[in-house]
PDB file of N, CA and C in Angstrom:
ATOM      1  N   MET A   1       0.876  -1.157  -0.039  1.00  0.00           N
ATOM      2  CA  MET A   1      -0.143  -0.033   0.282  1.00  0.00           C
ATOM      3  C   MET A   1       0.831   1.187   0.069  1.00  0.00           C
ATOM      4  N   ARG A   2       1.763   1.475   0.834  1.00  0.00           N
ATOM      5  CA  ARG A   2       2.454   2.509   1.020  1.00  0.00           C
ATOM      6  C   ARG A   2       3.532   2.765  -0.331  1.00  0.00           C
ATOM      7  N   PHE A   3       4.194   1.547  -0.922  1.00  0.00           N
ATOM      8  CA  PHE A   3       4.739   1.549  -2.196  1.00  0.00           C
ATOM      9  C   PHE A   3       4.014   2.308  -3.238  1.00  0.00           C
ATOM     10  N   SER A   4       2.520   1.764  -3.414  1.00  0.00           N
ATOM     11  CA  SER A   4       1.886   2.321  -4.153  1.00  0.00           C
ATOM     12  C   SER A   4       1.454   3.734  -4.118  1.00  0.00           C
ATOM     13  N   ILE A   5       1.300   4.417  -2.814  1.00  0.00           N
ATOM     14  CA  ILE A   5       1.216   5.799  -2.996  1.00  0.00           C
ATOM     15  C   ILE A   5       2.418   6.463  -3.247  1.00  0.00           C
ATOM     16  N   VAL A   6       3.651   6.037  -2.764  1.00  0.00           N
ATOM     17  CA  VAL A   6       4.820   6.413  -3.375  1.00  0.00           C
ATOM     18  C   VAL A   6       4.896   6.577  -4.763  1.00  0.00           C
ATOM     19  N   ALA A   7       4.586   5.500  -5.272  1.00  0.00           N
ATOM     20  CA  ALA A   7       4.890   5.232  -6.901  1.00  0.00           C
ATOM     21  C   ALA A   7       3.767   6.328  -7.494  1.00  0.00           C
ATOM     22  N   LEU A   8       2.807   6.710  -6.982  1.00  0.00           N
ATOM     23  CA  LEU A   8       1.640   7.606  -7.666  1.00  0.00           C
ATOM     24  C   LEU A   8       2.352   8.929  -7.386  1.00  0.00           C
ATOM     25  N   VAL A   9       2.754   9.504  -6.234  1.00  0.00           N
ATOM     26  CA  VAL A   9       3.023  10.857  -5.789  1.00  0.00           C
ATOM     27  C   VAL A   9       4.209  11.179  -6.111  1.00  0.00           C
ATOM     28  N   THR A  10       5.348  10.320  -6.368  1.00  0.00           N
ATOM     29  CA  THR A  10       6.589  10.812  -6.833  1.00  0.00           C
ATOM     30  C   THR A  10       6.623  11.335  -8.305  1.00  0.00           C
ATOM     31  N   PRO A  11       5.730  10.703  -9.050  1.00  0.00           N
ATOM     32  CA  PRO A  11       6.033  11.102 -10.459  1.00  0.00           C
ATOM     33  C   PRO A  11       5.363  12.683 -10.314  1.00  0.00           C
ATOM     34  N   LEU A  12       4.075  12.853  -9.795  1.00  0.00           N
ATOM     35  CA  LEU A  12       3.485  14.122  -9.762  1.00  0.00           C
ATOM     36  C   LEU A  12       4.117  15.209  -9.050  1.00  0.00           C
ATOM     37  N   LEU A  13       5.229  15.098  -8.376  1.00  0.00           N
ATOM     38  CA  LEU A  13       5.925  15.730  -7.538  1.00  0.00           C
ATOM     39  C   LEU A  13       7.033  16.388  -8.556  1.00  0.00           C
ATOM     40  N   LEU A  14       7.509  15.163  -9.275  1.00  0.00           N
ATOM     41  CA  LEU A  14       8.618  15.431 -10.327  1.00  0.00           C
ATOM     42  C   LEU A  14       8.129  16.330 -11.422  1.00  0.00           C
ATOM     43  N   ALA A  15       6.612  16.380 -11.640  1.00  0.00           N
ATOM     44  CA  ALA A  15       6.334  16.865 -12.796  1.00  0.00           C
ATOM     45  C   ALA A  15       5.838  18.254 -12.408  1.00  0.00           C
ATOM     46  N   ALA A  16       5.360  18.539 -11.179  1.00  0.00           N
ATOM     47  CA  ALA A  16       5.112  20.010 -10.720  1.00  0.00           C
ATOM     48  C   ALA A  16       6.432  20.708 -10.406  1.00  0.00           C
ATOM     49  N   SER A  17       7.612  19.898 -10.027  1.00  0.00           N
ATOM     50  CA  SER A  17       8.953  21.081  -9.984  1.00  0.00           C
ATOM     51  C   SER A  17       9.311  21.322 -11.538  1.00  0.00           C
ATOM     52  N   ALA A  18       9.181  20.368 -12.366  1.00  0.00           N
ATOM     53  CA  ALA A  18       9.447  20.539 -13.629  1.00  0.00           C
ATOM     54  C   ALA A  18       8.731  21.922 -14.192  1.00  0.00           C
ATOM     55  N   LEU A  19       7.598  22.030 -14.039  1.00  0.00           N
ATOM     56  CA  LEU A  19       6.611  22.772 -14.328  1.00  0.00           C
ATOM     57  C   LEU A  19       7.154  24.497 -13.921  1.00  0.00           C
ATOM     58  N   ALA A  20       7.369  24.129 -12.319  1.00  0.00           N
ATOM     59  CA  ALA A  20       7.710  24.982 -11.441  1.00  0.00           C
ATOM     60  C   ALA A  20       9.150  26.190 -11.957  1.00  0.00           C
ATOM     61  N   GLU A  21       9.873  25.285 -12.799  1.00  0.00           N
ATOM     62  CA  GLU A  21      11.350  25.648 -13.193  1.00  0.00           C
ATOM     63  C   GLU A  21      11.075  26.510 -14.464  1.00  0.00           C
ATOM     64  N   GLU A  22       9.846  26.081 -15.210  1.00  0.00           N
ATOM     65  CA  GLU A  22       9.745  26.964 -16.283  1.00  0.00           C
ATOM     66  C   GLU A  22       8.879  28.397 -16.201  1.00  0.00           C
ATOM     67  N   PHE A  23       8.446  28.583 -14.802  1.00  0.00           N
ATOM     68  CA  PHE A  23       7.723  29.999 -14.687  1.00  0.00           C
ATOM     69  C   PHE A  23       8.781  30.943 -14.216  1.00  0.00           C
ATOM     70  N   GLY A  24       8.606  32.040 -14.380  1.00  0.00           N
ATOM     71  CA  GLY A  24       9.574  33.150 -14.349  1.00  0.00           C
ATOM     72  C   GLY A  24       8.581  34.201 -13.240  1.00  0.00           C
ATOM     73  N   ASN A  25       9.405  34.538 -12.175  1.00  0.00           N
ATOM     74  CA  ASN A  25       8.656  35.405 -11.096  1.00  0.00           C
ATOM     75  C   ASN A  25       9.712  36.608 -10.891  1.00  0.00           C
ATOM     76  N   CYS A  26       9.307  37.687 -10.787  1.00  0.00           N
ATOM     77  CA  CYS A  26      10.472  38.801 -10.450  1.00  0.00           C
ATOM     78  C   CYS A  26       9.498  39.681  -9.617  1.00  0.00           C
ATOM     79  N   LYS A  27      10.259  40.497  -8.864  1.00  0.00           N
ATOM     80  CA  LYS A  27       9.714  41.869  -8.013  1.00  0.00           C
ATOM     81  C   LYS A  27      10.691  42.738  -7.799  1.00  0.00           C
ATOM     82  N   CYS A  28      10.724  43.906  -7.821  1.00  0.00           N
ATOM     83  CA  CYS A  28      11.505  45.103  -7.559  1.00  0.00           C
ATOM     84  C   CYS A  28      11.790  45.046  -6.057  1.00  0.00           C
ATOM     85  N   GLN A  29      12.809  44.568  -5.478  1.00  0.00           N
ATOM     86  CA  GLN A  29      12.960  44.346  -4.099  1.00  0.00           C
ATOM     87  C   GLN A  29      14.670  44.663  -3.988  1.00  0.00           C
ATOM     88  N   ASP A  30      14.819  45.482  -2.975  1.00  0.00           N
ATOM     89  CA  ASP A  30      16.433  45.282  -2.566  1.00  0.00           C
ATOM     90  C   ASP A  30      16.472  45.385  -0.947  1.00  0.00           C
ATOM     91  N   LYS A  31      17.627  45.364  -0.312  1.00  0.00           N
ATOM     92  CA  LYS A  31      17.686  45.198   1.228  1.00  0.00           C
ATOM     93  C   LYS A  31      16.880  46.407   2.070  1.00  0.00           C
ATOM     94  N   THR A  32      16.275  47.219   1.239  1.00  0.00           N
ATOM     95  CA  THR A  32      15.617  48.457   2.153  1.00  0.00           C
ATOM     96  C   THR A  32      14.094  47.947   2.086  1.00  0.00           C
ATOM     97  N   GLY A  33      14.005  47.091   1.094  1.00  0.00           N
ATOM     98  CA  GLY A  33      12.375  46.724   1.030  1.00  0.00           C
ATOM     99  C   GLY A  33      12.012  46.301  -0.437  1.00  0.00           C
ATOM    100  N   GLN A  34      10.833  46.121  -0.687  1.00  0.00           N
ATOM    101  CA  GLN A  34      10.065  46.012  -2.003  1.00  0.00           C
ATOM    102  C   GLN A  34       9.370  47.107  -2.474  1.00  0.00           C
ATOM    103  N   TYR A  35       9.228  47.173  -3.766  1.00  0.00           N
ATOM    104  CA  TYR A  35       8.722  48.252  -4.788  1.00  0.00           C
ATOM    105  C   TYR A  35       7.476  47.756  -5.095  1.00  0.00           C
ATOM    106  N   ASN A  36       6.217  47.973  -4.626  1.00  0.00           N
ATOM    107  CA  ASN A  36       5.244  47.242  -5.489  1.00  0.00           C
ATOM    108  C   ASN A  36       4.725  47.908  -6.699  1.00  0.00           C
ATOM    109  N   ASP A  37       4.753  49.339  -6.555  1.00  0.00           N
ATOM    110  CA  ASP A  37       4.314  50.250  -7.678  1.00  0.00           C
ATOM    111  C   ASP A  37       5.360  50.046  -8.636  1.00  0.00           C
ATOM    112  N   TYR A  38       6.652  50.042  -8.549  1.00  0.00           N
ATOM    113  CA  TYR A  38       7.789  49.524  -9.502  1.00  0.00           C
ATOM    114  C   TYR A  38       7.605  48.341 -10.412  1.00  0.00           C
ATOM    115  N   THR A  39       7.346  47.326  -9.259  1.00  0.00           N
ATOM    116  CA  THR A  39       7.009  45.740  -9.649  1.00  0.00           C
ATOM    117  C   THR A  39       5.741  45.979 -10.775  1.00  0.00           C
ATOM    118  N   GLU A  40       4.737  46.412 -10.434  1.00  0.00           N
ATOM    119  CA  GLU A  40       3.620  46.495 -11.361  1.00  0.00           C
ATOM    120  C   GLU A  40       3.977  46.924 -12.631  1.00  0.00           C
ATOM    121  N   ARG A  41       4.853  48.405 -12.429  1.00  0.00           N
ATOM    122  CA  ARG A  41       5.043  49.300 -14.086  1.00  0.00           C
ATOM    123  C   ARG A  41       6.149  48.059 -14.859  1.00  0.00           C
ATOM    124  N   CYS A  42       7.021  47.765 -14.122  1.00  0.00           N
ATOM    125  CA  CYS A  42       7.994  46.699 -14.892  1.00  0.00           C
ATOM    126  C   CYS A  42       7.343  45.486 -15.496  1.00  0.00           C
ATOM    127  N   CYS A  43       6.552  45.059 -14.536  1.00  0.00           N
ATOM    128  CA  CYS A  43       5.899  43.668 -15.330  1.00  0.00           C
ATOM    129  C   CYS A  43       5.059  44.065 -16.460  1.00  0.00           C
ATOM    130  N   LYS A  44       3.946  45.219 -16.311  1.00  0.00           N
ATOM    131  CA  LYS A  44       3.461  45.967 -17.784  1.00  0.00           C
ATOM    132  C   LYS A  44       4.195  46.131 -18.842  1.00  0.00           C
ATOM    133  N   MET A  45       5.566  46.474 -18.545  1.00  0.00           N
ATOM    134  CA  MET A  45       6.558  46.600 -19.793  1.00  0.00           C
ATOM    135  C   MET A  45       7.089  45.453 -20.349  1.00  0.00           C
ATOM    136  N   GLN A  46       6.969  44.088 -19.809  1.00  0.00           N
ATOM    137  CA  GLN A  46       7.526  43.492 -20.262  1.00  0.00           C
ATOM    138  C   GLN A  46       6.921  43.023 -21.861  1.00  0.00           C
ATOM    139  N   PHE A  47       7.789  42.707 -22.719  1.00  0.00           N
ATOM    140  CA  PHE A  47       7.443  42.494 -24.073  1.00  0.00           C
ATOM    141  C   PHE A  47       6.712  41.210 -24.427  1.00  0.00           C
ATOM    142  N   ASN A  48       5.662  40.665 -23.650  1.00  0.00           N
ATOM    143  CA  ASN A  48       4.941  39.545 -24.204  1.00  0.00           C
ATOM    144  C   ASN A  48       3.674  39.612 -23.349  1.00  0.00           C
ATOM    145  N   ALA A  49       2.592  38.833 -23.956  1.00  0.00           N
ATOM    146  CA  ALA A  49       1.491  39.164 -23.613  1.00  0.00           C
ATOM    147  C   ALA A  49       1.037  38.242 -22.355  1.00  0.00           C
ATOM    148  N   PHE A  50       1.862  37.224 -21.662  1.00  0.00           N
ATOM    149  CA  PHE A  50       1.565  36.378 -20.709  1.00  0.00           C
ATOM    150  C   PHE A  50       2.162  37.033 -19.297  1.00  0.00           C
ATOM    151  N   SER A  51       2.799  37.989 -19.357  1.00  0.00           N
ATOM    152  CA  SER A  51       3.045  38.636 -18.254  1.00  0.00           C
ATOM    153  C   SER A  51       2.213  39.287 -17.245  1.00  0.00           C
ATOM    154  N   HIS A  52       1.975  38.757 -15.962  1.00  0.00           N
ATOM    155  CA  HIS A  52       0.881  39.188 -15.282  1.00  0.00           C
ATOM    156  C   HIS A  52       1.331  39.693 -13.792  1.00  0.00           C
ATOM    157  N   TYR A  53       0.973  40.824 -13.430  1.00  0.00           N
ATOM    158  CA  TYR A  53       0.997  41.374 -12.077  1.00  0.00           C
ATOM    159  C   TYR A  53       0.157  40.918 -11.159  1.00  0.00           C
ATOM    160  N   HIS A  54       0.544  40.178  -9.838  1.00  0.00           N
ATOM    161  CA  HIS A  54      -0.254  39.920  -9.003  1.00  0.00           C
ATOM    162  C   HIS A  54      -0.216  40.990  -7.523  1.00  0.00           C
ATOM    163  N   GLY A  55      -1.368  41.738  -7.853  1.00  0.00           N
ATOM    164  CA  GLY A  55      -1.566  42.783  -6.654  1.00  0.00           C
ATOM    165  C   GLY A  55      -2.037  42.311  -5.330  1.00  0.00           C
ATOM    166  N   ASP A  56      -2.140  41.037  -5.295  1.00  0.00           N
ATOM    167  CA  ASP A  56      -2.438  40.542  -3.870  1.00  0.00           C
ATOM    168  C   ASP A  56      -1.329  40.778  -2.960  1.00  0.00           C
ATOM    169  N   GLN A  57      -1.317  39.764  -1.851  1.00  0.00           N
ATOM    170  CA  GLN A  57      -0.314  39.957  -1.014  1.00  0.00           C
ATOM    171  C   GLN A  57       1.224  39.740  -1.497  1.00  0.00           C
ATOM    172  N   VAL A  58       1.263  38.852  -2.455  1.00  0.00           N
ATOM    173  CA  VAL A  58       2.634  38.746  -2.977  1.00  0.00           C
ATOM    174  C   VAL A  58       3.281  39.585  -3.882  1.00  0.00           C
ATOM    175  N   HIS A  59       2.536  40.419  -4.455  1.00  0.00           N
ATOM    176  CA  HIS A  59       2.993  41.618  -5.342  1.00  0.00           C
ATOM    177  C   HIS A  59       3.936  41.143  -6.464  1.00  0.00           C
ATOM    178  N   GLN A  60       4.081  40.276  -7.141  1.00  0.00           N
ATOM    179  CA  GLN A  60       5.098  39.992  -7.778  1.00  0.00           C
ATOM    180  C   GLN A  60       4.572  39.901  -9.313  1.00  0.00           C
ATOM    181  N   CYS A  61       5.332  39.853 -10.268  1.00  0.00           N
ATOM    182  CA  CYS A  61       5.399  39.566 -11.801  1.00  0.00           C
ATOM    183  C   CYS A  61       5.581  38.283 -12.021  1.00  0.00           C
ATOM    184  N   SER A  62       4.522  37.532 -12.531  1.00  0.00           N
ATOM    185  CA  SER A  62       4.646  35.966 -12.882  1.00  0.00           C
ATOM    186  C   SER A  62       4.423  35.826 -14.669  1.00  0.00           C
ATOM    187  N   ASN A  63       5.025  35.006 -15.278  1.00  0.00           N
ATOM    188  CA  ASN A  63       4.887  34.730 -16.545  1.00  0.00           C
ATOM    189  C   ASN A  63       5.053  33.220 -16.472  1.00  0.00           C
ATOM    190  N   PRO A  64       3.595  32.518 -16.814  1.00  0.00           N
ATOM    191  CA  PRO A  64       3.660  31.027 -16.691  1.00  0.00           C
ATOM    192  C   PRO A  64       3.990  30.319 -18.398  1.00  0.00           C
ATOM    193  N   ILE A  65       3.989  31.092 -19.271  1.00  0.00           N
ATOM    194  CA  ILE A  65       4.491  30.583 -20.504  1.00  0.00           C
ATOM    195  C   ILE A  65       6.055  31.095 -20.931  1.00  0.00           C
ATOM    196  N   ASP A  66       6.454  32.063 -20.749  1.00  0.00           N
ATOM    197  CA  ASP A  66       7.706  32.406 -21.219  1.00  0.00           C
ATOM    198  C   ASP A  66       8.414  32.942 -19.860  1.00  0.00           C
ATOM    199  N   LYS A  67       9.961  32.589 -19.805  1.00  0.00           N
ATOM    200  CA  LYS A  67      10.372  33.221 -18.817  1.00  0.00           C
ATOM    201  C   LYS A  67      10.604  35.071 -18.548  1.00  0.00           C
ATOM    202  N   ILE A  68      10.629  35.595 -17.787  1.00  0.00           N
ATOM    203  CA  ILE A  68      10.774  36.950 -17.599  1.00  0.00           C
ATOM    204  C   ILE A  68      12.146  37.300 -17.922  1.00  0.00           C
ATOM    205  N   ASP A  69      12.688  38.383 -18.643  1.00  0.00           N
ATOM    206  CA  ASP A  69      13.594  38.816 -18.927  1.00  0.00           C
ATOM    207  C   ASP A  69      14.349  39.322 -17.565  1.00  0.00           C
ATOM    208  N   ASP A  70      15.020  38.588 -16.789  1.00  0.00           N
ATOM    209  CA  ASP A  70      15.578  39.186 -15.587  1.00  0.00           C
ATOM    210  C   ASP A  70      16.454  40.214 -15.639  1.00  0.00           C
ATOM    211  N   ASP A  71      17.228  40.592 -16.526  1.00  0.00           N
ATOM    212  CA  ASP A  71      18.066  41.697 -16.743  1.00  0.00           C
ATOM    213  C   ASP A  71      17.259  42.684 -16.924  1.00  0.00           C
ATOM    214  N   GLY A  72      16.365  42.754 -18.122  1.00  0.00           N
ATOM    215  CA  GLY A  72      15.421  43.687 -18.474  1.00  0.00           C
ATOM    216  C   GLY A  72      14.417  44.186 -17.202  1.00  0.00           C
ATOM    217  N   PHE A  73      14.211  43.281 -16.517  1.00  0.00           N
ATOM    218  CA  PHE A  73      13.361  43.541 -15.059  1.00  0.00           C
ATOM    219  C   PHE A  73      14.225  44.085 -14.474  1.00  0.00           C
ATOM    220  N   GLU A  74      15.293  43.706 -14.017  1.00  0.00           N
ATOM    221  CA  GLU A  74      16.178  44.562 -13.031  1.00  0.00           C
ATOM    222  C   GLU A  74      16.417  45.896 -13.627  1.00  0.00           C
ATOM    223  N   ALA A  75      16.799  46.063 -14.718  1.00  0.00           N
ATOM    224  CA  ALA A  75      17.221  47.572 -15.169  1.00  0.00           C
ATOM    225  C   ALA A  75      15.956  48.231 -15.132  1.00  0.00           C
ATOM    226  N   CYS A  76      14.686  47.886 -15.140  1.00  0.00           N
ATOM    227  CA  CYS A  76      13.578  48.703 -15.176  1.00  0.00           C
ATOM    228  C   CYS A  76      13.121  48.857 -13.707  1.00  0.00           C
ATOM    229  N   CYS A  77      13.539  48.252 -12.629  1.00  0.00           N
ATOM    230  CA  CYS A  77      13.627  48.464 -11.244  1.00  0.00           C
ATOM    231  C   CYS A  77      14.442  49.511 -10.784  1.00  0.00           C
ATOM    232  N   VAL A  78      15.636  49.245 -11.115  1.00  0.00           N
ATOM    233  CA  VAL A  78      16.727  50.168 -10.985  1.00  0.00           C
ATOM    234  C   VAL A  78      16.437  51.628 -11.870  1.00  0.00           C
ATOM    235  N   ASP A  79      16.066  51.603 -12.706  1.00  0.00           N
ATOM    236  CA  ASP A  79      15.663  53.317 -13.421  1.00  0.00           C
ATOM    237  C   ASP A  79      14.711  53.788 -12.632  1.00  0.00           C
ATOM    238  N   ARG A  80      13.589  53.176 -12.046  1.00  0.00           N
ATOM    239  CA  ARG A  80      12.816  53.722 -11.097  1.00  0.00           C
ATOM    240  C   ARG A  80      13.579  54.132  -9.798  1.00  0.00           C
ATOM    241  N   GLY A  81      14.254  53.574  -9.432  1.00  0.00           N
ATOM    242  CA  GLY A  81      14.891  53.956  -8.088  1.00  0.00           C
ATOM    243  C   GLY A  81      15.237  52.811  -6.945  1.00  0.00           C
ATOM    244  N   ALA A  82      14.523  51.832  -7.533  1.00  0.00           N
ATOM    245  CA  ALA A  82      15.199  50.661  -6.314  1.00  0.00           C
ATOM    246  C   ALA A  82      16.674  50.284  -6.692  1.00  0.00           C
ATOM    247  N   HIS A  83      17.283  49.347  -6.064  1.00  0.00           N
ATOM    248  CA  HIS A  83      18.666  48.913  -6.219  1.00  0.00           C
ATOM    249  C   HIS A  83      18.886  47.501  -6.699  1.00  0.00           C
ATOM    250  N   GLY A  84      17.734  46.962  -7.298  1.00  0.00           N
ATOM    251  CA  GLY A  84      17.472  45.733  -7.986  1.00  0.00           C
ATOM    252  C   GLY A  84      16.332  44.736  -7.924  1.00  0.00           C
ATOM    253  N   ALA A  85      16.440  43.732  -8.358  1.00  0.00           N
ATOM    254  CA  ALA A  85      15.279  43.128  -8.256  1.00  0.00           C
ATOM    255  C   ALA A  85      15.432  41.562  -7.886  1.00  0.00           C
ATOM    256  N   PHE A  86      14.543  40.891  -7.485  1.00  0.00           N
ATOM    257  CA  PHE A  86      14.429  39.674  -7.076  1.00  0.00           C
ATOM    258  C   PHE A  86      13.767  38.886  -7.930  1.00  0.00           C
ATOM    259  N   CYS A  87      14.151  37.863  -8.810  1.00  0.00           N
ATOM    260  CA  CYS A  87      13.481  37.014  -9.618  1.00  0.00           C
ATOM    261  C   CYS A  87      13.987  35.334  -9.278  1.00  0.00           C
ATOM    262  N   TRP A  88      12.946  34.503  -9.380  1.00  0.00           N
ATOM    263  CA  TRP A  88      13.368  33.292  -9.306  1.00  0.00           C
ATOM    264  C   TRP A  88      12.252  32.394  -9.996  1.00  0.00           C
TER     265      TRP A  88
END
């Protein structure tokens, strides 16, 4: 019984982690805090239709289809006054 549960769950966990690596998430953030307004603006400036700003408690830019341009996103944050971006 335990083996069948492990055999069922393991492939599902591996598939979920593989999908998670394809997602791009970024926010304008540095050691002094996070900049939600900058994150929203920089997310809207991404040159693809799939980037989405989450204005709830996470305040992040996500793209479930393409990776976010980390360098471009960070440059956008810095141009607005943050000292960097956090992307994962």
